[in-house]
Amino acid sequence: MFDINWDGLAGTHTGGGRNPGTNLFDHYQWRDVRTMIDCLMNGGGNGYCNIDSSRTDFNSAVVVKHDPVQDCAFDIMMMRYGK
């Protein structure tokens, strides 16, 4: 269906002769959101920051970690209301 060169990638996919169930790429090496947050906060935050509660009523204490939807919402709030 797609002409993809999988050489050098370990991947979760069914084609290309790779072992099913392995990662397509090492997710921890991709820091697009974390880097953005570090840049907004002048670095040093390891990709995380506090949310300014004076600007929003978002409660980060109730965020369920590793839930994709809540992780995404948390990232958005850090980028928008980080301090």
N, C-alpha and C. Protein backbone atom coordinates (compact mmCIF):
# COMPACT_ATOMS: atom_id res chain seq x y z
N MET A 1 0.81 -1.19 0.00
CA MET A 1 0.00 0.00 0.00
C MET A 1 0.86 1.27 0.00
N PHE A 2 1.86 1.34 0.90
CA PHE A 2 2.76 2.49 0.94
C PHE A 2 4.16 2.00 0.64
N ASP A 3 4.94 2.81 -0.04
CA ASP A 3 6.32 2.48 -0.32
C ASP A 3 7.19 3.14 0.75
N ILE A 4 7.40 2.43 1.86
CA ILE A 4 8.14 2.97 3.00
C ILE A 4 9.41 2.15 3.19
N ASN A 5 10.53 2.82 3.32
CA ASN A 5 11.78 2.14 3.60
C ASN A 5 11.94 2.04 5.12
N TRP A 6 11.83 0.84 5.64
CA TRP A 6 11.89 0.61 7.08
C TRP A 6 13.30 0.36 7.58
N ASP A 7 14.30 0.38 6.69
CA ASP A 7 15.67 0.12 7.11
C ASP A 7 16.09 1.10 8.20
N GLY A 8 16.63 0.58 9.26
CA GLY A 8 17.10 1.40 10.36
C GLY A 8 16.03 1.75 11.38
N LEU A 9 14.79 1.38 11.12
CA LEU A 9 13.71 1.66 12.06
C LEU A 9 13.25 0.36 12.70
N ALA A 10 13.00 0.40 13.99
CA ALA A 10 12.32 -0.72 14.64
C ALA A 10 10.88 -0.28 14.78
N GLY A 11 9.93 -1.11 14.33
CA GLY A 11 8.59 -0.55 14.28
C GLY A 11 7.45 -1.46 14.62
N THR A 12 6.37 -0.84 15.12
CA THR A 12 5.11 -1.53 15.32
C THR A 12 4.35 -1.43 14.01
N HIS A 13 4.43 -2.46 13.24
CA HIS A 13 3.75 -2.53 11.95
C HIS A 13 3.73 -3.97 11.51
N THR A 14 3.06 -4.24 10.45
CA THR A 14 2.94 -5.63 10.01
C THR A 14 3.81 -5.95 8.82
N GLY A 15 4.41 -4.97 8.21
CA GLY A 15 5.20 -5.23 7.00
C GLY A 15 6.65 -4.87 7.19
N GLY A 16 7.40 -5.02 6.12
CA GLY A 16 8.79 -4.60 6.12
C GLY A 16 9.75 -5.58 6.77
N GLY A 17 9.27 -6.76 7.15
CA GLY A 17 10.16 -7.77 7.71
C GLY A 17 10.60 -7.51 9.14
N ARG A 18 9.98 -6.56 9.80
CA ARG A 18 10.33 -6.27 11.19
C ARG A 18 9.54 -7.16 12.14
N ASN A 19 9.99 -7.20 13.37
CA ASN A 19 9.29 -7.97 14.39
C ASN A 19 8.06 -7.20 14.86
N PRO A 20 6.86 -7.80 14.73
CA PRO A 20 5.66 -7.11 15.23
C PRO A 20 5.77 -6.86 16.73
N GLY A 21 5.23 -5.73 17.17
CA GLY A 21 5.21 -5.41 18.59
C GLY A 21 6.38 -4.57 19.05
N THR A 22 7.33 -4.26 18.17
CA THR A 22 8.42 -3.37 18.56
C THR A 22 8.04 -1.95 18.19
N ASN A 23 8.74 -0.97 18.74
CA ASN A 23 8.42 0.43 18.50
C ASN A 23 8.90 0.87 17.13
N LEU A 24 8.09 1.70 16.46
CA LEU A 24 8.46 2.26 15.18
C LEU A 24 9.68 3.17 15.33
N PHE A 25 9.73 3.92 16.41
CA PHE A 25 10.86 4.78 16.73
C PHE A 25 10.92 4.93 18.25
N ASP A 26 12.04 5.37 18.74
CA ASP A 26 12.19 5.58 20.18
C ASP A 26 11.48 6.88 20.55
N HIS A 27 10.27 6.76 21.11
CA HIS A 27 9.42 7.93 21.38
C HIS A 27 10.08 8.96 22.28
N TYR A 28 10.97 8.53 23.15
CA TYR A 28 11.59 9.45 24.09
C TYR A 28 12.61 10.37 23.41
N GLN A 29 12.94 10.10 22.15
CA GLN A 29 13.87 10.96 21.43
C GLN A 29 13.15 12.11 20.72
N TRP A 30 11.83 12.08 20.66
CA TRP A 30 11.05 13.11 19.98
C TRP A 30 10.47 14.04 21.05
N ARG A 31 10.92 15.28 21.06
CA ARG A 31 10.56 16.20 22.13
C ARG A 31 9.89 17.45 21.59
N ASP A 32 9.10 17.38 20.58
CA ASP A 32 8.54 18.60 20.00
C ASP A 32 7.77 19.43 21.00
N VAL A 33 6.86 18.84 21.74
CA VAL A 33 6.07 19.58 22.74
C VAL A 33 6.95 19.96 23.93
N ARG A 34 7.76 19.04 24.41
CA ARG A 34 8.63 19.31 25.56
C ARG A 34 9.61 20.44 25.23
N THR A 35 10.16 20.43 24.01
CA THR A 35 11.09 21.48 23.60
C THR A 35 10.37 22.82 23.53
N MET A 36 9.14 22.82 23.02
CA MET A 36 8.36 24.06 22.95
C MET A 36 8.15 24.63 24.35
N ILE A 37 7.78 23.78 25.29
CA ILE A 37 7.56 24.24 26.67
C ILE A 37 8.86 24.76 27.26
N ASP A 38 9.98 24.06 27.04
CA ASP A 38 11.28 24.53 27.53
C ASP A 38 11.61 25.91 26.95
N CYS A 39 11.35 26.10 25.66
CA CYS A 39 11.64 27.39 25.03
C CYS A 39 10.77 28.50 25.60
N LEU A 40 9.49 28.22 25.79
CA LEU A 40 8.59 29.22 26.36
C LEU A 40 8.98 29.59 27.79
N MET A 41 9.52 28.63 28.53
CA MET A 41 9.87 28.85 29.93
C MET A 41 11.35 29.14 30.10
N ASN A 42 12.05 29.48 29.02
CA ASN A 42 13.48 29.80 29.03
C ASN A 42 14.34 28.63 29.49
N GLY A 43 13.93 27.42 29.16
CA GLY A 43 14.73 26.23 29.41
C GLY A 43 14.74 25.77 30.84
N GLY A 44 15.37 24.62 31.06
CA GLY A 44 15.58 24.11 32.40
C GLY A 44 14.41 23.39 33.03
N GLY A 45 13.29 23.28 32.33
CA GLY A 45 12.11 22.67 32.92
C GLY A 45 11.91 21.22 32.56
N ASN A 46 12.81 20.65 31.79
CA ASN A 46 12.70 19.26 31.35
C ASN A 46 11.37 19.01 30.63
N GLY A 47 10.85 20.04 29.97
CA GLY A 47 9.63 19.90 29.20
C GLY A 47 8.35 20.05 29.98
N TYR A 48 8.45 20.44 31.22
CA TYR A 48 7.27 20.62 32.06
C TYR A 48 7.36 21.96 32.78
N CYS A 49 6.22 22.49 33.17
CA CYS A 49 6.20 23.73 33.93
C CYS A 49 4.92 23.79 34.76
N ASN A 50 4.87 24.73 35.66
CA ASN A 50 3.65 24.95 36.44
C ASN A 50 2.65 25.74 35.60
N ILE A 51 1.39 25.57 35.91
CA ILE A 51 0.33 26.31 35.21
C ILE A 51 -0.11 27.46 36.10
N ASP A 52 -0.17 28.64 35.52
CA ASP A 52 -0.52 29.85 36.26
C ASP A 52 -2.01 29.83 36.61
N SER A 53 -2.31 29.53 37.86
CA SER A 53 -3.71 29.38 38.29
C SER A 53 -4.46 30.72 38.32
N SER A 54 -3.74 31.83 38.24
CA SER A 54 -4.42 33.13 38.20
C SER A 54 -5.01 33.41 36.82
N ARG A 55 -4.60 32.63 35.81
CA ARG A 55 -5.07 32.84 34.44
C ARG A 55 -6.07 31.78 33.97
N THR A 56 -6.21 30.67 34.72
CA THR A 56 -7.12 29.60 34.33
C THR A 56 -7.54 28.82 35.57
N ASP A 57 -8.66 28.12 35.47
CA ASP A 57 -9.09 27.29 36.59
C ASP A 57 -8.73 25.81 36.37
N PHE A 58 -7.82 25.56 35.44
CA PHE A 58 -7.37 24.19 35.15
C PHE A 58 -6.66 23.63 36.38
N ASN A 59 -7.04 22.42 36.78
CA ASN A 59 -6.44 21.78 37.96
C ASN A 59 -5.56 20.62 37.50
N SER A 60 -4.26 20.84 37.46
CA SER A 60 -3.34 19.81 36.98
C SER A 60 -3.24 18.62 37.93
N ALA A 61 -3.70 18.77 39.16
CA ALA A 61 -3.64 17.67 40.13
C ALA A 61 -4.58 16.52 39.77
N VAL A 62 -5.59 16.79 38.96
CA VAL A 62 -6.55 15.74 38.62
C VAL A 62 -6.27 15.10 37.25
N VAL A 63 -5.19 15.52 36.60
CA VAL A 63 -4.84 14.95 35.30
C VAL A 63 -4.39 13.50 35.48
N VAL A 64 -4.96 12.60 34.69
CA VAL A 64 -4.58 11.19 34.72
C VAL A 64 -3.37 11.03 33.80
N LYS A 65 -2.23 10.71 34.39
CA LYS A 65 -1.00 10.56 33.61
C LYS A 65 -1.11 9.38 32.65
N HIS A 66 -0.52 9.55 31.47
CA HIS A 66 -0.46 8.52 30.42
C HIS A 66 -1.81 8.24 29.77
N ASP A 67 -2.80 9.06 30.02
CA ASP A 67 -4.05 9.02 29.26
C ASP A 67 -3.83 9.98 28.09
N PRO A 68 -3.89 9.50 26.86
CA PRO A 68 -3.52 10.35 25.71
C PRO A 68 -4.29 11.67 25.63
N VAL A 69 -5.58 11.65 25.89
CA VAL A 69 -6.38 12.87 25.80
C VAL A 69 -6.00 13.84 26.90
N GLN A 70 -5.85 13.33 28.12
CA GLN A 70 -5.51 14.21 29.24
C GLN A 70 -4.07 14.70 29.14
N ASP A 71 -3.16 13.85 28.66
CA ASP A 71 -1.78 14.29 28.44
C ASP A 71 -1.74 15.45 27.43
N CYS A 72 -2.51 15.32 26.37
CA CYS A 72 -2.56 16.36 25.34
C CYS A 72 -3.12 17.66 25.91
N ALA A 73 -4.21 17.56 26.67
CA ALA A 73 -4.80 18.75 27.28
C ALA A 73 -3.81 19.41 28.25
N PHE A 74 -3.10 18.61 29.01
CA PHE A 74 -2.11 19.13 29.96
C PHE A 74 -0.99 19.85 29.22
N ASP A 75 -0.51 19.26 28.12
CA ASP A 75 0.54 19.90 27.32
C ASP A 75 0.06 21.25 26.77
N ILE A 76 -1.17 21.28 26.28
CA ILE A 76 -1.73 22.52 25.74
C ILE A 76 -1.80 23.59 26.84
N MET A 77 -2.26 23.20 28.01
CA MET A 77 -2.38 24.16 29.10
C MET A 77 -1.01 24.66 29.55
N MET A 78 0.01 23.78 29.55
CA MET A 78 1.36 24.25 29.90
C MET A 78 1.87 25.24 28.87
N MET A 79 1.61 24.97 27.58
CA MET A 79 2.07 25.91 26.54
C MET A 79 1.32 27.24 26.61
N ARG A 80 0.05 27.17 26.95
CA ARG A 80 -0.76 28.40 26.95
C ARG A 80 -0.66 29.19 28.26
N TYR A 81 -0.64 28.49 29.39
CA TYR A 81 -0.69 29.17 30.70
C TYR A 81 0.51 28.86 31.58
N GLY A 82 1.60 28.40 31.00
CA GLY A 82 2.78 28.07 31.79
C GLY A 82 3.40 29.26 32.46
N LYS A 83 4.03 29.00 33.60
CA LYS A 83 4.74 30.08 34.30
C LYS A 83 6.06 29.55 34.82
